[in-house]
């Protein structure tokens, strides 16, 4: 990713954060931290999947818009 960022003229910090956000965002649809809580509450993953999907979509819109704005600032030299 750093080679691609360098070829596109993107700040390496922005590229690294984009990868980190993408990884965190993907983990929101089925969070690993929820497994012990589901066992304690005697729930199945399907019982909370609707809630995590809403969080996944809402945060994806925020992350995507933010990265587009940062990228646009980088392209114009404003960032």
PDB file of N, CA and C in Angstrom:
ATOM      1  N   UNK A   1       0.824  -1.196   0.000  1.00  0.00           N
ATOM      2  CA  UNK A   1       0.000   0.000   0.000  1.00  0.00           C
ATOM      3  C   UNK A   1       0.862   1.251   0.000  1.00  0.00           C
ATOM      4  N   UNK A   2       2.006   1.200   0.659  1.00  0.00           N
ATOM      5  CA  UNK A   2       2.861   2.386   0.696  1.00  0.00           C
ATOM      6  C   UNK A   2       3.441   2.699  -0.678  1.00  0.00           C
ATOM      7  N   UNK A   3       3.759   1.654  -1.456  1.00  0.00           N
ATOM      8  CA  UNK A   3       4.244   1.896  -2.819  1.00  0.00           C
ATOM      9  C   UNK A   3       3.149   2.534  -3.678  1.00  0.00           C
ATOM     10  N   UNK A   4       1.929   2.040  -3.548  1.00  0.00           N
ATOM     11  CA  UNK A   4       0.811   2.615  -4.305  1.00  0.00           C
ATOM     12  C   UNK A   4       0.564   4.056  -3.877  1.00  0.00           C
ATOM     13  N   UNK A   5       0.633   4.324  -2.568  1.00  0.00           N
ATOM     14  CA  UNK A   5       0.439   5.692  -2.078  1.00  0.00           C
ATOM     15  C   UNK A   5       1.513   6.617  -2.616  1.00  0.00           C
ATOM     16  N   UNK A   6       2.751   6.138  -2.645  1.00  0.00           N
ATOM     17  CA  UNK A   6       3.853   6.965  -3.162  1.00  0.00           C
ATOM     18  C   UNK A   6       3.657   7.274  -4.642  1.00  0.00           C
ATOM     19  N   UNK A   7       3.204   6.284  -5.411  1.00  0.00           N
ATOM     20  CA  UNK A   7       2.974   6.501  -6.838  1.00  0.00           C
ATOM     21  C   UNK A   7       1.820   7.466  -7.086  1.00  0.00           C
ATOM     22  N   UNK A   8       0.848   7.479  -6.182  1.00  0.00           N
ATOM     23  CA  UNK A   8      -0.288   8.384  -6.328  1.00  0.00           C
ATOM     24  C   UNK A   8      -0.042   9.743  -5.682  1.00  0.00           C
ATOM     25  N   UNK A   9       1.065   9.878  -4.961  1.00  0.00           N
ATOM     26  CA  UNK A   9       1.373  11.138  -4.303  1.00  0.00           C
ATOM     27  C   UNK A   9       0.578  11.361  -3.020  1.00  0.00           C
ATOM     28  N   UNK A  10       0.155  10.272  -2.377  1.00  0.00           N
ATOM     29  CA  UNK A  10      -0.623  10.366  -1.144  1.00  0.00           C
ATOM     30  C   UNK A  10       0.328  10.251   0.038  1.00  0.00           C
ATOM     31  N   UNK A  11       0.080  11.024   1.077  1.00  0.00           N
ATOM     32  CA  UNK A  11       0.874  10.974   2.299  1.00  0.00           C
ATOM     33  C   UNK A  11       0.824   9.552   2.863  1.00  0.00           C
ATOM     34  N   UNK A  12       1.969   8.969   3.224  1.00  0.00           N
ATOM     35  CA  UNK A  12       1.974   7.605   3.765  1.00  0.00           C
ATOM     36  C   UNK A  12       1.100   7.444   5.013  1.00  0.00           C
ATOM     37  N   UNK A  13       1.020   8.467   5.841  1.00  0.00           N
ATOM     38  CA  UNK A  13       0.181   8.388   7.046  1.00  0.00           C
ATOM     39  C   UNK A  13      -1.287   8.214   6.673  1.00  0.00           C
ATOM     40  N   UNK A  14      -1.724   8.882   5.624  1.00  0.00           N
ATOM     41  CA  UNK A  14      -3.116   8.758   5.178  1.00  0.00           C
ATOM     42  C   UNK A  14      -3.370   7.348   4.646  1.00  0.00           C
ATOM     43  N   UNK A  15      -2.428   6.801   3.900  1.00  0.00           N
ATOM     44  CA  UNK A  15      -2.590   5.450   3.365  1.00  0.00           C
ATOM     45  C   UNK A  15      -2.631   4.427   4.495  1.00  0.00           C
ATOM     46  N   UNK A  16      -1.782   4.575   5.493  1.00  0.00           N
ATOM     47  CA  UNK A  16      -1.766   3.645   6.619  1.00  0.00           C
ATOM     48  C   UNK A  16      -3.073   3.726   7.393  1.00  0.00           C
ATOM     49  N   UNK A  17      -3.561   4.926   7.626  1.00  0.00           N
ATOM     50  CA  UNK A  17      -4.825   5.078   8.351  1.00  0.00           C
ATOM     51  C   UNK A  17      -5.998   4.532   7.542  1.00  0.00           C
ATOM     52  N   UNK A  18      -5.958   4.663   6.219  1.00  0.00           N
ATOM     53  CA  UNK A  18      -7.020   4.116   5.377  1.00  0.00           C
ATOM     54  C   UNK A  18      -7.072   2.597   5.503  1.00  0.00           C
ATOM     55  N   UNK A  19      -5.903   1.960   5.533  1.00  0.00           N
ATOM     56  CA  UNK A  19      -5.861   0.507   5.697  1.00  0.00           C
ATOM     57  C   UNK A  19      -6.381   0.120   7.088  1.00  0.00           C
ATOM     58  N   UNK A  20      -5.972   0.856   8.112  1.00  0.00           N
ATOM     59  CA  UNK A  20      -6.428   0.560   9.474  1.00  0.00           C
ATOM     60  C   UNK A  20      -7.934   0.754   9.598  1.00  0.00           C
ATOM     61  N   UNK A  21      -8.464   1.834   9.034  1.00  0.00           N
ATOM     62  CA  UNK A  21      -9.916   2.068   9.070  1.00  0.00           C
ATOM     63  C   UNK A  21     -10.660   0.951   8.352  1.00  0.00           C
ATOM     64  N   UNK A  22     -10.147   0.536   7.207  1.00  0.00           N
ATOM     65  CA  UNK A  22     -10.787  -0.542   6.458  1.00  0.00           C
ATOM     66  C   UNK A  22     -10.824  -1.835   7.246  1.00  0.00           C
ATOM     67  N   UNK A  23      -9.738  -2.140   7.944  1.00  0.00           N
ATOM     68  CA  UNK A  23      -9.700  -3.355   8.749  1.00  0.00           C
ATOM     69  C   UNK A  23     -10.668  -3.256   9.925  1.00  0.00           C
ATOM     70  N   UNK A  24     -10.683  -2.126  10.596  1.00  0.00           N
ATOM     71  CA  UNK A  24     -11.599  -1.936  11.719  1.00  0.00           C
ATOM     72  C   UNK A  24     -13.048  -1.962  11.240  1.00  0.00           C
ATOM     73  N   UNK A  25     -13.296  -1.356  10.101  1.00  0.00           N
ATOM     74  CA  UNK A  25     -14.654  -1.282   9.570  1.00  0.00           C
ATOM     75  C   UNK A  25     -15.185  -2.682   9.251  1.00  0.00           C
ATOM     76  N   UNK A  26     -14.336  -3.497   8.661  1.00  0.00           N
ATOM     77  CA  UNK A  26     -14.739  -4.856   8.306  1.00  0.00           C
ATOM     78  C   UNK A  26     -15.069  -5.669   9.556  1.00  0.00           C
ATOM     79  N   UNK A  27     -14.371  -5.422  10.639  1.00  0.00           N
ATOM     80  CA  UNK A  27     -14.610  -6.166  11.877  1.00  0.00           C
ATOM     81  C   UNK A  27     -15.912  -5.770  12.567  1.00  0.00           C
ATOM     82  N   UNK A  28     -16.527  -4.681  12.164  1.00  0.00           N
ATOM     83  CA  UNK A  28     -17.768  -4.247  12.804  1.00  0.00           C
ATOM     84  C   UNK A  28     -18.963  -5.119  12.434  1.00  0.00           C
ATOM     85  N   UNK A  29     -18.940  -5.743  11.281  1.00  0.00           N
ATOM     86  CA  UNK A  29     -20.098  -6.534  10.866  1.00  0.00           C
ATOM     87  C   UNK A  29     -20.259  -7.766  11.743  1.00  0.00           C
ATOM     88  N   UNK A  30     -19.150  -8.360  12.185  1.00  0.00           N
ATOM     89  CA  UNK A  30     -19.207  -9.526  13.070  1.00  0.00           C
ATOM     90  C   UNK A  30     -18.064  -9.394  14.074  1.00  0.00           C
ATOM     91  N   UNK A  31     -18.280  -8.598  15.111  1.00  0.00           N
ATOM     92  CA  UNK A  31     -17.192  -8.282  16.036  1.00  0.00           C
ATOM     93  C   UNK A  31     -16.764  -9.478  16.885  1.00  0.00           C
ATOM     94  N   UNK A  32     -15.468  -9.691  16.932  1.00  0.00           N
ATOM     95  CA  UNK A  32     -14.909 -10.794  17.702  1.00  0.00           C
ATOM     96  C   UNK A  32     -15.141 -10.608  19.197  1.00  0.00           C
ATOM     97  N   UNK A  33     -15.126  -9.350  19.656  1.00  0.00           N
ATOM     98  CA  UNK A  33     -15.300  -9.077  21.085  1.00  0.00           C
ATOM     99  C   UNK A  33     -16.683  -9.489  21.583  1.00  0.00           C
ATOM    100  N   UNK A  34     -17.635  -9.640  20.679  1.00  0.00           N
ATOM    101  CA  UNK A  34     -19.002  -9.977  21.088  1.00  0.00           C
ATOM    102  C   UNK A  34     -19.171 -11.451  21.435  1.00  0.00           C
ATOM    103  N   UNK A  35     -18.267 -12.299  21.020  1.00  0.00           N
ATOM    104  CA  UNK A  35     -18.441 -13.732  21.237  1.00  0.00           C
ATOM    105  C   UNK A  35     -18.594 -14.105  22.718  1.00  0.00           C
ATOM    106  N   UNK A  36     -17.729 -13.618  23.618  1.00  0.00           N
ATOM    107  CA  UNK A  36     -17.949 -13.967  25.028  1.00  0.00           C
ATOM    108  C   UNK A  36     -19.249 -13.386  25.581  1.00  0.00           C
ATOM    109  N   UNK A  37     -19.605 -12.199  25.134  1.00  0.00           N
ATOM    110  CA  UNK A  37     -20.847 -11.587  25.606  1.00  0.00           C
ATOM    111  C   UNK A  37     -22.073 -12.362  25.135  1.00  0.00           C
ATOM    112  N   UNK A  38     -21.996 -12.871  23.919  1.00  0.00           N
ATOM    113  CA  UNK A  38     -23.099 -13.683  23.408  1.00  0.00           C
ATOM    114  C   UNK A  38     -23.246 -14.971  24.225  1.00  0.00           C
ATOM    115  N   UNK A  39     -22.134 -15.558  24.597  1.00  0.00           N
ATOM    116  CA  UNK A  39     -22.183 -16.783  25.405  1.00  0.00           C
ATOM    117  C   UNK A  39     -22.767 -16.499  26.785  1.00  0.00           C
ATOM    118  N   UNK A  40     -22.369 -15.374  27.373  1.00  0.00           N
ATOM    119  CA  UNK A  40     -22.881 -15.015  28.699  1.00  0.00           C
ATOM    120  C   UNK A  40     -24.383 -14.742  28.638  1.00  0.00           C
ATOM    121  N   UNK A  41     -24.821 -14.035  27.606  1.00  0.00           N
ATOM    122  CA  UNK A  41     -26.227 -13.660  27.475  1.00  0.00           C
ATOM    123  C   UNK A  41     -27.078 -14.754  26.828  1.00  0.00           C
ATOM    124  N   UNK A  42     -26.438 -15.859  26.447  1.00  0.00           N
ATOM    125  CA  UNK A  42     -27.133 -16.971  25.800  1.00  0.00           C
ATOM    126  C   UNK A  42     -27.863 -16.515  24.530  1.00  0.00           C
ATOM    127  N   UNK A  43     -27.122 -15.770  23.693  1.00  0.00           N
ATOM    128  CA  UNK A  43     -27.650 -15.295  22.417  1.00  0.00           C
ATOM    129  C   UNK A  43     -26.869 -15.914  21.278  1.00  0.00           C
ATOM    130  N   UNK A  44     -27.438 -15.864  20.104  1.00  0.00           N
ATOM    131  CA  UNK A  44     -26.746 -16.288  18.884  1.00  0.00           C
ATOM    132  C   UNK A  44     -26.314 -15.042  18.114  1.00  0.00           C
ATOM    133  N   UNK A  45     -25.355 -15.217  17.216  1.00  0.00           N
ATOM    134  CA  UNK A  45     -24.869 -14.076  16.435  1.00  0.00           C
ATOM    135  C   UNK A  45     -26.008 -13.447  15.630  1.00  0.00           C
ATOM    136  N   UNK A  46     -26.929 -14.247  15.143  1.00  0.00           N
ATOM    137  CA  UNK A  46     -28.033 -13.691  14.351  1.00  0.00           C
ATOM    138  C   UNK A  46     -28.908 -12.739  15.162  1.00  0.00           C
ATOM    139  N   UNK A  47     -28.874 -12.866  16.505  1.00  0.00           N
ATOM    140  CA  UNK A  47     -29.664 -11.975  17.353  1.00  0.00           C
ATOM    141  C   UNK A  47     -29.130 -10.544  17.359  1.00  0.00           C
ATOM    142  N   UNK A  48     -27.839 -10.373  17.111  1.00  0.00           N
ATOM    143  CA  UNK A  48     -27.262  -9.016  17.127  1.00  0.00           C
ATOM    144  C   UNK A  48     -26.779  -8.564  15.754  1.00  0.00           C
ATOM    145  N   UNK A  49     -26.849  -9.442  14.762  1.00  0.00           N
ATOM    146  CA  UNK A  49     -26.308  -9.110  13.443  1.00  0.00           C
ATOM    147  C   UNK A  49     -26.981  -7.894  12.815  1.00  0.00           C
ATOM    148  N   UNK A  50     -28.254  -7.697  13.031  1.00  0.00           N
ATOM    149  CA  UNK A  50     -28.942  -6.522  12.488  1.00  0.00           C
ATOM    150  C   UNK A  50     -28.378  -5.227  13.046  1.00  0.00           C
ATOM    151  N   UNK A  51     -28.070  -5.228  14.345  1.00  0.00           N
ATOM    152  CA  UNK A  51     -27.514  -4.040  14.979  1.00  0.00           C
ATOM    153  C   UNK A  51     -26.089  -3.768  14.495  1.00  0.00           C
ATOM    154  N   UNK A  52     -25.297  -4.830  14.372  1.00  0.00           N
ATOM    155  CA  UNK A  52     -23.926  -4.620  13.907  1.00  0.00           C
ATOM    156  C   UNK A  52     -23.890  -4.221  12.438  1.00  0.00           C
ATOM    157  N   UNK A  53     -24.878  -4.671  11.665  1.00  0.00           N
ATOM    158  CA  UNK A  53     -24.930  -4.280  10.258  1.00  0.00           C
ATOM    159  C   UNK A  53     -25.246  -2.790  10.110  1.00  0.00           C
ATOM    160  N   UNK A  54     -26.140  -2.282  10.935  1.00  0.00           N
ATOM    161  CA  UNK A  54     -26.447  -0.845  10.909  1.00  0.00           C
ATOM    162  C   UNK A  54     -25.207  -0.037  11.278  1.00  0.00           C
ATOM    163  N   UNK A  55     -24.493  -0.464  12.305  1.00  0.00           N
ATOM    164  CA  UNK A  55     -23.250   0.206  12.705  1.00  0.00           C
ATOM    165  C   UNK A  55     -22.230   0.131  11.585  1.00  0.00           C
ATOM    166  N   UNK A  56     -22.133  -1.025  10.940  1.00  0.00           N
ATOM    167  CA  UNK A  56     -21.212  -1.239   9.825  1.00  0.00           C
ATOM    168  C   UNK A  56     -21.486  -0.262   8.686  1.00  0.00           C
ATOM    169  N   UNK A  57     -22.734  -0.125   8.298  1.00  0.00           N
ATOM    170  CA  UNK A  57     -23.092   0.755   7.178  1.00  0.00           C
ATOM    171  C   UNK A  57     -22.915   2.225   7.552  1.00  0.00           C
ATOM    172  N   UNK A  58     -23.385   2.620   8.735  1.00  0.00           N
ATOM    173  CA  UNK A  58     -23.278   4.024   9.141  1.00  0.00           C
ATOM    174  C   UNK A  58     -21.821   4.456   9.270  1.00  0.00           C
ATOM    175  N   UNK A  59     -21.003   3.637   9.897  1.00  0.00           N
ATOM    176  CA  UNK A  59     -19.596   4.009  10.049  1.00  0.00           C
ATOM    177  C   UNK A  59     -18.870   3.954   8.713  1.00  0.00           C
ATOM    178  N   UNK A  60     -19.290   3.064   7.828  1.00  0.00           N
ATOM    179  CA  UNK A  60     -18.685   3.005   6.495  1.00  0.00           C
ATOM    180  C   UNK A  60     -18.927   4.281   5.713  1.00  0.00           C
ATOM    181  N   UNK A  61     -20.116   4.840   5.843  1.00  0.00           N
ATOM    182  CA  UNK A  61     -20.395   6.116   5.172  1.00  0.00           C
ATOM    183  C   UNK A  61     -19.525   7.238   5.739  1.00  0.00           C
ATOM    184  N   UNK A  62     -19.376   7.260   7.066  1.00  0.00           N
ATOM    185  CA  UNK A  62     -18.548   8.293   7.697  1.00  0.00           C
ATOM    186  C   UNK A  62     -17.083   8.113   7.303  1.00  0.00           C
ATOM    187  N   UNK A  63     -16.571   6.884   7.404  1.00  0.00           N
ATOM    188  CA  UNK A  63     -15.172   6.625   7.044  1.00  0.00           C
ATOM    189  C   UNK A  63     -14.925   6.965   5.578  1.00  0.00           C
ATOM    190  N   UNK A  64     -15.818   6.517   4.706  1.00  0.00           N
ATOM    191  CA  UNK A  64     -15.636   6.778   3.280  1.00  0.00           C
ATOM    192  C   UNK A  64     -15.642   8.252   2.944  1.00  0.00           C
ATOM    193  N   UNK A  65     -16.592   8.988   3.512  1.00  0.00           N
ATOM    194  CA  UNK A  65     -16.661  10.431   3.254  1.00  0.00           C
ATOM    195  C   UNK A  65     -15.429  11.143   3.797  1.00  0.00           C
ATOM    196  N   UNK A  66     -14.985  10.737   4.978  1.00  0.00           N
ATOM    197  CA  UNK A  66     -13.800  11.358   5.566  1.00  0.00           C
ATOM    198  C   UNK A  66     -12.570  11.095   4.715  1.00  0.00           C
ATOM    199  N   UNK A  67     -12.389   9.863   4.271  1.00  0.00           N
ATOM    200  CA  UNK A  67     -11.221   9.549   3.445  1.00  0.00           C
ATOM    201  C   UNK A  67     -11.278  10.265   2.100  1.00  0.00           C
ATOM    202  N   UNK A  68     -12.476  10.420   1.546  1.00  0.00           N
ATOM    203  CA  UNK A  68     -12.591  11.171   0.296  1.00  0.00           C
ATOM    204  C   UNK A  68     -12.215  12.639   0.497  1.00  0.00           C
ATOM    205  N   UNK A  69     -12.646  13.222   1.621  1.00  0.00           N
ATOM    206  CA  UNK A  69     -12.306  14.610   1.895  1.00  0.00           C
ATOM    207  C   UNK A  69     -10.807  14.784   2.152  1.00  0.00           C
ATOM    208  N   UNK A  70     -10.225  13.858   2.888  1.00  0.00           N
ATOM    209  CA  UNK A  70      -8.778  13.937   3.142  1.00  0.00           C
ATOM    210  C   UNK A  70      -8.022  13.759   1.831  1.00  0.00           C
ATOM    211  N   UNK A  71      -8.468  12.799   1.026  1.00  0.00           N
ATOM    212  CA  UNK A  71      -7.819  12.566  -0.266  1.00  0.00           C
ATOM    213  C   UNK A  71      -7.937  13.758  -1.187  1.00  0.00           C
ATOM    214  N   UNK A  72      -9.089  14.429  -1.174  1.00  0.00           N
ATOM    215  CA  UNK A  72      -9.267  15.611  -2.015  1.00  0.00           C
ATOM    216  C   UNK A  72      -8.355  16.743  -1.522  1.00  0.00           C
ATOM    217  N   UNK A  73      -8.197  16.856  -0.218  1.00  0.00           N
ATOM    218  CA  UNK A  73      -7.290  17.871   0.338  1.00  0.00           C
ATOM    219  C   UNK A  73      -5.850  17.580  -0.016  1.00  0.00           C
ATOM    220  N   UNK A  74      -5.476  16.303  -0.048  1.00  0.00           N
ATOM    221  CA  UNK A  74      -4.126  15.914  -0.411  1.00  0.00           C
ATOM    222  C   UNK A  74      -3.866  16.209  -1.884  1.00  0.00           C
ATOM    223  N   UNK A  75      -4.869  15.953  -2.727  1.00  0.00           N
ATOM    224  CA  UNK A  75      -4.702  16.151  -4.166  1.00  0.00           C
ATOM    225  C   UNK A  75      -4.532  17.624  -4.515  1.00  0.00           C
ATOM    226  N   UNK A  76      -5.189  18.509  -3.761  1.00  0.00           N
ATOM    227  CA  UNK A  76      -5.092  19.930  -4.059  1.00  0.00           C
ATOM    228  C   UNK A  76      -3.962  20.602  -3.301  1.00  0.00           C
ATOM    229  N   UNK A  77      -3.315  19.862  -2.401  1.00  0.00           N
ATOM    230  CA  UNK A  77      -2.224  20.432  -1.624  1.00  0.00           C
ATOM    231  C   UNK A  77      -2.683  21.181  -0.414  1.00  0.00           C
ATOM    232  N   UNK A  78      -3.978  21.125  -0.093  1.00  0.00           N
ATOM    233  CA  UNK A  78      -4.504  21.863   1.053  1.00  0.00           C
ATOM    234  C   UNK A  78      -4.246  21.142   2.360  1.00  0.00           C
ATOM    235  N   UNK A  79      -3.982  19.784   2.320  1.00  0.00           N
ATOM    236  CA  UNK A  79      -3.862  19.008   3.553  1.00  0.00           C
ATOM    237  C   UNK A  79      -2.481  18.777   4.017  1.00  0.00           C
TER     238      UNK A  79
END
